[in-house]
C-alpha atoms as a PDB file:
ATOM      1  CA  MET A   1     125.600  71.446 -98.092  1.00  0.00           C
ATOM      2  CA  PRO A   2     122.668  73.531 -96.789  1.00  0.00           C
ATOM      3  CA  ILE A   3     119.142  72.567 -97.788  1.00  0.00           C
ATOM      4  CA  GLN A   4     117.303  75.270 -99.749  1.00  0.00           C
ATOM      5  CA  ASN A   5     114.098  76.596 -98.221  1.00  0.00           C
ATOM      6  CA  ILE A   6     111.934  76.990-101.305  1.00  0.00           C
ATOM      7  CA  LYS A   7     108.199  76.951-101.945  1.00  0.00           C
ATOM      8  CA  PRO A   8     106.879  73.903-103.835  1.00  0.00           C
ATOM      9  CA  GLU A   9     105.550  76.064-106.665  1.00  0.00           C
ATOM     10  CA  ASP A  10     109.001  77.592-107.154  1.00  0.00           C
ATOM     11  CA  ILE A  11     111.018  74.354-107.351  1.00  0.00           C
ATOM     12  CA  GLU A  12     110.782  73.886-111.107  1.00  0.00           C
ATOM     13  CA  LYS A  13     111.561  77.550-111.807  1.00  0.00           C
ATOM     14  CA  GLU A  14     114.621  77.368-109.568  1.00  0.00           C
ATOM     15  CA  SER A  15     115.714  74.121-111.207  1.00  0.00           C
ATOM     16  CA  PHE A  16     115.664  75.741-114.637  1.00  0.00           C
ATOM     17  CA  ARG A  17     117.524  78.779-113.315  1.00  0.00           C
ATOM     18  CA  ILE A  18     120.277  76.472-112.057  1.00  0.00           C
ATOM     19  CA  ILE A  19     120.353  74.506-115.318  1.00  0.00           C
ATOM     20  CA  PHE A  20     120.658  77.678-117.389  1.00  0.00           C
ATOM     21  CA  ALA A  21     123.416  79.041-115.142  1.00  0.00           C
ATOM     22  CA  GLU A  22     125.431  75.816-115.167  1.00  0.00           C
ATOM     23  CA  LEU A  23     124.954  75.223-118.881  1.00  0.00           C
ATOM     24  CA  GLY A  24     126.990  78.315-119.626  1.00  0.00           C
ATOM     25  CA  PRO A  25     127.663  79.662-123.146  1.00  0.00           C
ATOM     26  CA  HIS A  26     125.890  77.779-125.921  1.00  0.00           C
ATOM     27  CA  SER A  27     124.692  78.175-129.497  1.00  0.00           C
ATOM     28  CA  PHE A  28     121.164  76.770-129.110  1.00  0.00           C
ATOM     29  CA  ASP A  29     118.194  78.694-130.447  1.00  0.00           C
ATOM     30  CA  ALA A  30     115.316  79.212-128.008  1.00  0.00           C
ATOM     31  CA  ALA A  31     113.298  76.156-129.078  1.00  0.00           C
ATOM     32  CA  THR A  32     116.274  73.794-129.048  1.00  0.00           C
ATOM     33  CA  LEU A  33     117.412  75.155-125.695  1.00  0.00           C
ATOM     34  CA  SER A  34     113.993  74.454-124.190  1.00  0.00           C
ATOM     35  CA  ILE A  35     114.263  70.795-125.218  1.00  0.00           C
ATOM     36  CA  VAL A  36     117.841  70.439-123.998  1.00  0.00           C
ATOM     37  CA  GLN A  37     116.898  71.974-120.650  1.00  0.00           C
ATOM     38  CA  ARG A  38     113.923  69.606-120.257  1.00  0.00           C
ATOM     39  CA  VAL A  39     116.148  66.593-120.869  1.00  0.00           C
ATOM     40  CA  ILE A  40     118.742  67.823-118.376  1.00  0.00           C
ATOM     41  CA  HIS A  41     115.945  68.491-115.883  1.00  0.00           C
ATOM     42  CA  ALA A  42     114.634  64.925-116.320  1.00  0.00           C
ATOM     43  CA  THR A  43     118.046  63.274-116.004  1.00  0.00           C
ATOM     44  CA  GLY A  44     120.318  65.603-114.034  1.00  0.00           C
ATOM     45  CA  ASP A  45     122.872  64.975-116.778  1.00  0.00           C
ATOM     46  CA  PHE A  46     124.452  67.923-118.588  1.00  0.00           C
ATOM     47  CA  SER A  47     126.123  65.661-121.147  1.00  0.00           C
ATOM     48  CA  PHE A  48     122.856  65.718-123.102  1.00  0.00           C
ATOM     49  CA  ALA A  49     123.701  69.283-124.088  1.00  0.00           C
ATOM     50  CA  GLU A  50     126.488  67.724-126.171  1.00  0.00           C
ATOM     51  CA  ASN A  51     124.980  64.460-127.385  1.00  0.00           C
ATOM     52  CA  LEU A  52     121.460  65.463-128.457  1.00  0.00           C
ATOM     53  CA  HIS A  53     121.201  65.655-132.239  1.00  0.00           C
ATOM     54  CA  PHE A  54     118.411  67.434-134.129  1.00  0.00           C
ATOM     55  CA  SER A  55     117.679  67.152-137.837  1.00  0.00           C
ATOM     56  CA  ALA A  56     117.138  70.541-139.433  1.00  0.00           C
ATOM     57  CA  ASP A  57     113.340  70.382-139.435  1.00  0.00           C
ATOM     58  CA  ALA A  58     112.749  68.226-136.366  1.00  0.00           C
ATOM     59  CA  ILE A  59     111.242  70.756-133.988  1.00  0.00           C
ATOM     60  CA  VAL A  60     108.984  72.382-136.573  1.00  0.00           C
ATOM     61  CA  ARG A  61     107.789  68.979-137.799  1.00  0.00           C
ATOM     62  CA  GLY A  62     107.104  67.811-134.250  1.00  0.00           C
ATOM     63  CA  ILE A  63     105.100  70.919-133.378  1.00  0.00           C
ATOM     64  CA  THR A  64     103.153  70.678-136.633  1.00  0.00           C
ATOM     65  CA  ALA A  65     102.311  67.013-136.021  1.00  0.00           C
ATOM     66  CA  LEU A  66     100.992  67.793-132.545  1.00  0.00           C
ATOM     67  CA  ARG A  67      98.876  70.706-133.717  1.00  0.00           C
ATOM     68  CA  GLN A  68      97.422  68.565-136.500  1.00  0.00           C
ATOM     69  CA  GLY A  69      96.181  66.063-133.917  1.00  0.00           C
ATOM     70  CA  LYS A  70      98.540  63.317-135.047  1.00  0.00           C
ATOM     71  CA  ASP A  71      99.079  60.312-132.783  1.00  0.00           C
ATOM     72  CA  ILE A  72     102.206  59.523-130.779  1.00  0.00           C
ATOM     73  CA  LEU A  73     103.610  55.973-130.890  1.00  0.00           C
ATOM     74  CA  THR A  74     105.853  54.814-128.035  1.00  0.00           C
ATOM     75  CA  ASP A  75     107.962  51.701-127.666  1.00  0.00           C
ATOM     76  CA  VAL A  76     107.227  51.090-123.979  1.00  0.00           C
ATOM     77  CA  THR A  77     104.605  52.040-121.407  1.00  0.00           C
ATOM     78  CA  MET A  78     107.130  54.093-119.422  1.00  0.00           C
ATOM     79  CA  VAL A  79     107.425  56.588-122.277  1.00  0.00           C
ATOM     80  CA  LYS A  80     103.650  56.699-122.664  1.00  0.00           C
ATOM     81  CA  ALA A  81     103.209  57.264-118.923  1.00  0.00           C
ATOM     82  CA  GLY A  82     105.732  60.104-118.920  1.00  0.00           C
ATOM     83  CA  ILE A  83     103.980  62.146-121.613  1.00  0.00           C
ATOM     84  CA  SER A  84     101.714  64.901-120.259  1.00  0.00           C
ATOM     85  CA  LYS A  85      98.154  63.822-121.024  1.00  0.00           C
ATOM     86  CA  ALA A  86      96.832  67.215-119.903  1.00  0.00           C
ATOM     87  CA  MET A  87      98.861  69.065-122.528  1.00  0.00           C
ATOM     88  CA  PHE A  88      98.373  66.481-125.258  1.00  0.00           C
ATOM     89  CA  ALA A  89      94.580  66.419-124.784  1.00  0.00           C
ATOM     90  CA  ARG A  90      94.305  69.832-126.447  1.00  0.00           C
ATOM     91  CA  TRP A  91      94.593  68.233-129.907  1.00  0.00           C
ATOM     92  CA  HIS A  92      92.634  64.984-129.337  1.00  0.00           C
ATOM     93  CA  GLY A  93      95.310  62.648-130.674  1.00  0.00           C
ATOM     94  CA  ALA A  94      96.056  59.239-129.186  1.00  0.00           C
ATOM     95  CA  ILE A  95      99.179  57.923-127.498  1.00  0.00           C
ATOM     96  CA  ARG A  96      99.700  54.383-128.745  1.00  0.00           C
ATOM     97  CA  CYS A  97     101.776  51.618-127.209  1.00  0.00           C
ATOM     98  CA  GLY A  98     101.212  48.006-128.179  1.00  0.00           C
ATOM     99  CA  VAL A  99     103.868  46.350-126.048  1.00  0.00           C
ATOM    100  CA  ASP A 100     101.317  44.922-123.584  1.00  0.00           C
ATOM    101  CA  ASP A 101      98.936  43.642-126.265  1.00  0.00           C
ATOM    102  CA  PRO A 102      98.636  39.826-125.884  1.00  0.00           C
ATOM    103  CA  ALA A 103      98.586  39.437-129.673  1.00  0.00           C
ATOM    104  CA  VAL A 104     101.861  41.356-129.901  1.00  0.00           C
ATOM    105  CA  ALA A 105     103.399  39.199-127.180  1.00  0.00           C
ATOM    106  CA  ALA A 106     102.279  36.028-128.953  1.00  0.00           C
ATOM    107  CA  ALA A 107     103.688  37.175-132.299  1.00  0.00           C
ATOM    108  CA  ALA A 108     106.969  38.207-130.685  1.00  0.00           C
ATOM    109  CA  LYS A 109     107.347  34.772-129.110  1.00  0.00           C
ATOM    110  CA  ARG A 110     106.388  32.995-132.319  1.00  0.00           C
ATOM    111  CA  TYR A 111     108.833  34.889-134.514  1.00  0.00           C
ATOM    112  CA  GLN A 112     111.617  35.366-131.926  1.00  0.00           C
ATOM    113  CA  ARG A 113     111.397  39.150-131.967  1.00  0.00           C
ATOM    114  CA  THR A 114     110.946  41.730-129.211  1.00  0.00           C
ATOM    115  CA  ARG A 115     107.463  42.924-128.308  1.00  0.00           C
ATOM    116  CA  SER A 116     108.447  46.538-128.975  1.00  0.00           C
ATOM    117  CA  GLN A 117     109.657  45.591-132.436  1.00  0.00           C
ATOM    118  CA  VAL A 118     106.413  43.809-133.300  1.00  0.00           C
ATOM    119  CA  ALA A 119     104.347  46.670-131.858  1.00  0.00           C
ATOM    120  CA  MET A 120     106.135  49.182-134.074  1.00  0.00           C
ATOM    121  CA  GLU A 121     105.455  47.040-137.131  1.00  0.00           C
ATOM    122  CA  ARG A 122     101.762  46.767-136.301  1.00  0.00           C
ATOM    123  CA  LEU A 123     100.991  50.299-135.130  1.00  0.00           C
ATOM    124  CA  LEU A 124     102.999  52.663-137.334  1.00  0.00           C
ATOM    125  CA  ASP A 125     100.809  54.271-139.999  1.00  0.00           C
ATOM    126  CA  GLU A 126     100.217  57.731-141.462  1.00  0.00           C
ATOM    127  CA  SER A 127      98.130  58.845-138.474  1.00  0.00           C
ATOM    128  CA  VAL A 128     101.295  58.757-136.340  1.00  0.00           C
ATOM    129  CA  GLY A 129     103.149  62.066-136.253  1.00  0.00           C
ATOM    130  CA  ILE A 130     105.746  61.294-133.593  1.00  0.00           C
ATOM    131  CA  VAL A 131     107.455  58.033-132.694  1.00  0.00           C
ATOM    132  CA  ALA A 132     109.111  58.166-129.266  1.00  0.00           C
ATOM    133  CA  ILE A 133     111.537  55.337-128.534  1.00  0.00           C
ATOM    134  CA  GLY A 134     113.234  55.457-125.157  1.00  0.00           C
ATOM    135  CA  ASN A 135     114.068  51.878-124.353  1.00  0.00           C
ATOM    136  CA  ALA A 136     114.287  49.355-127.187  1.00  0.00           C
ATOM    137  CA  PRO A 137     116.959  49.537-129.906  1.00  0.00           C
ATOM    138  CA  THR A 138     115.080  46.797-131.762  1.00  0.00           C
ATOM    139  CA  ALA A 139     112.069  49.096-131.997  1.00  0.00           C
ATOM    140  CA  LEU A 140     114.200  51.914-133.376  1.00  0.00           C
ATOM    141  CA  LEU A 141     115.783  49.615-135.965  1.00  0.00           C
ATOM    142  CA  GLN A 142     112.307  48.466-136.987  1.00  0.00           C
ATOM    143  CA  ILE A 143     111.144  52.072-137.411  1.00  0.00           C
ATOM    144  CA  ILE A 144     114.209  52.977-139.492  1.00  0.00           C
ATOM    145  CA  ASP A 145     113.410  50.102-141.846  1.00  0.00           C
ATOM    146  CA  MET A 146     109.755  51.144-142.068  1.00  0.00           C
ATOM    147  CA  LEU A 147     110.540  54.772-142.903  1.00  0.00           C
ATOM    148  CA  ASP A 148     111.335  53.659-146.443  1.00  0.00           C
ATOM    149  CA  GLY A 149     107.592  53.275-146.924  1.00  0.00           C
ATOM    150  CA  PHE A 150     106.946  56.968-146.232  1.00  0.00           C
ATOM    151  CA  ALA A 151     107.561  59.981-148.414  1.00  0.00           C
ATOM    152  CA  PRO A 152     110.044  62.191-146.546  1.00  0.00           C
ATOM    153  CA  ARG A 153     107.512  64.948-145.764  1.00  0.00           C
ATOM    154  CA  LYS A 154     104.890  62.438-144.578  1.00  0.00           C
ATOM    155  CA  ALA A 155     107.157  60.431-142.305  1.00  0.00           C
ATOM    156  CA  PRO A 156     106.877  60.902-138.545  1.00  0.00           C
ATOM    157  CA  LEU A 157     109.380  62.674-136.353  1.00  0.00           C
ATOM    158  CA  VAL A 158     111.407  59.904-134.712  1.00  0.00           C
ATOM    159  CA  ILE A 159     112.647  60.570-131.196  1.00  0.00           C
ATOM    160  CA  GLY A 160     115.381  57.973-130.762  1.00  0.00           C
ATOM    161  CA  THR A 161     116.817  57.697-127.260  1.00  0.00           C
ATOM    162  CA  PRO A 162     117.090  53.978-126.427  1.00  0.00           C
ATOM    163  CA  VAL A 163     119.473  53.264-123.576  1.00  0.00           C
ATOM    164  CA  GLY A 164     121.842  50.358-123.134  1.00  0.00           C
ATOM    165  CA  PHE A 165     124.821  48.387-124.336  1.00  0.00           C
ATOM    166  CA  VAL A 166     123.477  46.220-127.176  1.00  0.00           C
ATOM    167  CA  ASN A 167     122.711  48.184-130.360  1.00  0.00           C
ATOM    168  CA  ALA A 168     121.573  51.312-128.493  1.00  0.00           C
ATOM    169  CA  ALA A 169     124.345  53.603-129.742  1.00  0.00           C
ATOM    170  CA  GLU A 170     124.415  51.878-133.118  1.00  0.00           C
ATOM    171  CA  SER A 171     120.679  52.207-133.748  1.00  0.00           C
ATOM    172  CA  LYS A 172     120.792  55.930-132.940  1.00  0.00           C
ATOM    173  CA  ASP A 173     123.765  56.423-135.233  1.00  0.00           C
ATOM    174  CA  LEU A 174     121.785  54.743-138.019  1.00  0.00           C
ATOM    175  CA  LEU A 175     118.822  57.045-137.384  1.00  0.00           C
ATOM    176  CA  ILE A 176     121.024  60.126-137.565  1.00  0.00           C
ATOM    177  CA  ALA A 177     122.782  58.855-140.698  1.00  0.00           C
ATOM    178  CA  SER A 178     119.441  58.112-142.374  1.00  0.00           C
ATOM    179  CA  GLY A 179     118.746  61.809-142.818  1.00  0.00           C
ATOM    180  CA  ARG A 180     115.152  61.299-141.685  1.00  0.00           C
ATOM    181  CA  CYS A 181     113.403  63.733-139.349  1.00  0.00           C
ATOM    182  CA  HIS A 182     114.727  62.974-135.874  1.00  0.00           C
ATOM    183  CA  ILE A 183     115.794  64.016-132.425  1.00  0.00           C
ATOM    184  CA  ALA A 184     118.299  61.535-131.031  1.00  0.00           C
ATOM    185  CA  CYS A 185     121.033  61.208-128.451  1.00  0.00           C
ATOM    186  CA  ARG A 186     124.358  59.698-129.361  1.00  0.00           C
ATOM    187  CA  GLY A 187     125.988  56.957-127.340  1.00  0.00           C
ATOM    188  CA  ARG A 188     124.707  54.540-124.730  1.00  0.00           C
ATOM    189  CA  LYS A 189     122.822  57.063-122.628  1.00  0.00           C
ATOM    190  CA  GLY A 190     119.118  57.726-123.050  1.00  0.00           C
ATOM    191  CA  GLY A 191     116.015  56.097-121.654  1.00  0.00           C
ATOM    192  CA  SER A 192     112.288  56.552-121.320  1.00  0.00           C
ATOM    193  CA  PRO A 193     112.571  59.757-119.235  1.00  0.00           C
ATOM    194  CA  VAL A 194     114.609  61.343-122.047  1.00  0.00           C
ATOM    195  CA  ALA A 195     112.081  60.430-124.744  1.00  0.00           C
ATOM    196  CA  ALA A 196     109.160  61.640-122.609  1.00  0.00           C
ATOM    197  CA  ALA A 197     110.967  64.875-121.734  1.00  0.00           C
ATOM    198  CA  ILE A 198     111.511  65.640-125.428  1.00  0.00           C
ATOM    199  CA  VAL A 199     107.846  65.038-126.228  1.00  0.00           C
ATOM    200  CA  ASN A 200     106.749  67.220-123.299  1.00  0.00           C
ATOM    201  CA  ALA A 201     109.078  69.994-124.415  1.00  0.00           C
ATOM    202  CA  LEU A 202     107.531  69.834-127.900  1.00  0.00           C
ATOM    203  CA  LEU A 203     104.055  69.967-126.345  1.00  0.00           C
ATOM    204  CA  ARG A 204     104.962  73.151-124.491  1.00  0.00           C
ATOM    205  CA  LEU A 205     106.358  74.696-127.666  1.00  0.00           C
ATOM    206  CA  ALA A 206     103.209  73.733-129.606  1.00  0.00           C
ATOM    207  CA  ILE A 207     100.982  75.305-126.961  1.00  0.00           C
ATOM    208  CA  GLN A 208     103.081  78.488-126.941  1.00  0.00           C
ATOM    209  CA  GLU A 209     102.881  78.721-130.714  1.00  0.00           C
ATOM    210  CA  GLU A 210      99.137  78.147-130.783  1.00  0.00           C
ATOM    211  CA  ASP A 211      98.451  80.678-128.015  1.00  0.00           C
ATOM    212  CA  ARG A 212     100.374  83.521-129.637  1.00  0.00           C
END
């Protein structure tokens, strides 16, 4: 296969041209398509065009939360690292992740829970507009339980994309079945790059909306 001779500044544009061409016919609206394309771009996996699930108000709620300066809560540092700080800085919110907090680690050991699970319990409050979970099913299950404490319109958008073989698919199915505001991927696939890609796609949409 011949190597393409392409300028560095054109690589992303060409990647999205290829993704759009190979995706073929679809029923996505423009905003949903932009998120699906970002996830495919991050993973190289077109199956996400089939297994991503969006609640009816997910994209609007996510954009609104960002523009209101709400915080983002992540389950692991890899998701936090993958979110564009340059784009997010426009609204002066914080990206929170408590998984490396020594107090969280101590509590997790004491109570035989995962650090991500304890961090969710400690850090989720009404200043959080988006929860992005890309790794830990236990964190997603904790968030689902905690959503009962929020009125539906005040609850965060939950991006649920944990990857793996133990409770990953099941936790995402529970999120979807809950009827809460979410973007999730069905099955075992997912991961931190997927969660970060979804957040970055929402950031781009929020900037576009604000700059109109």
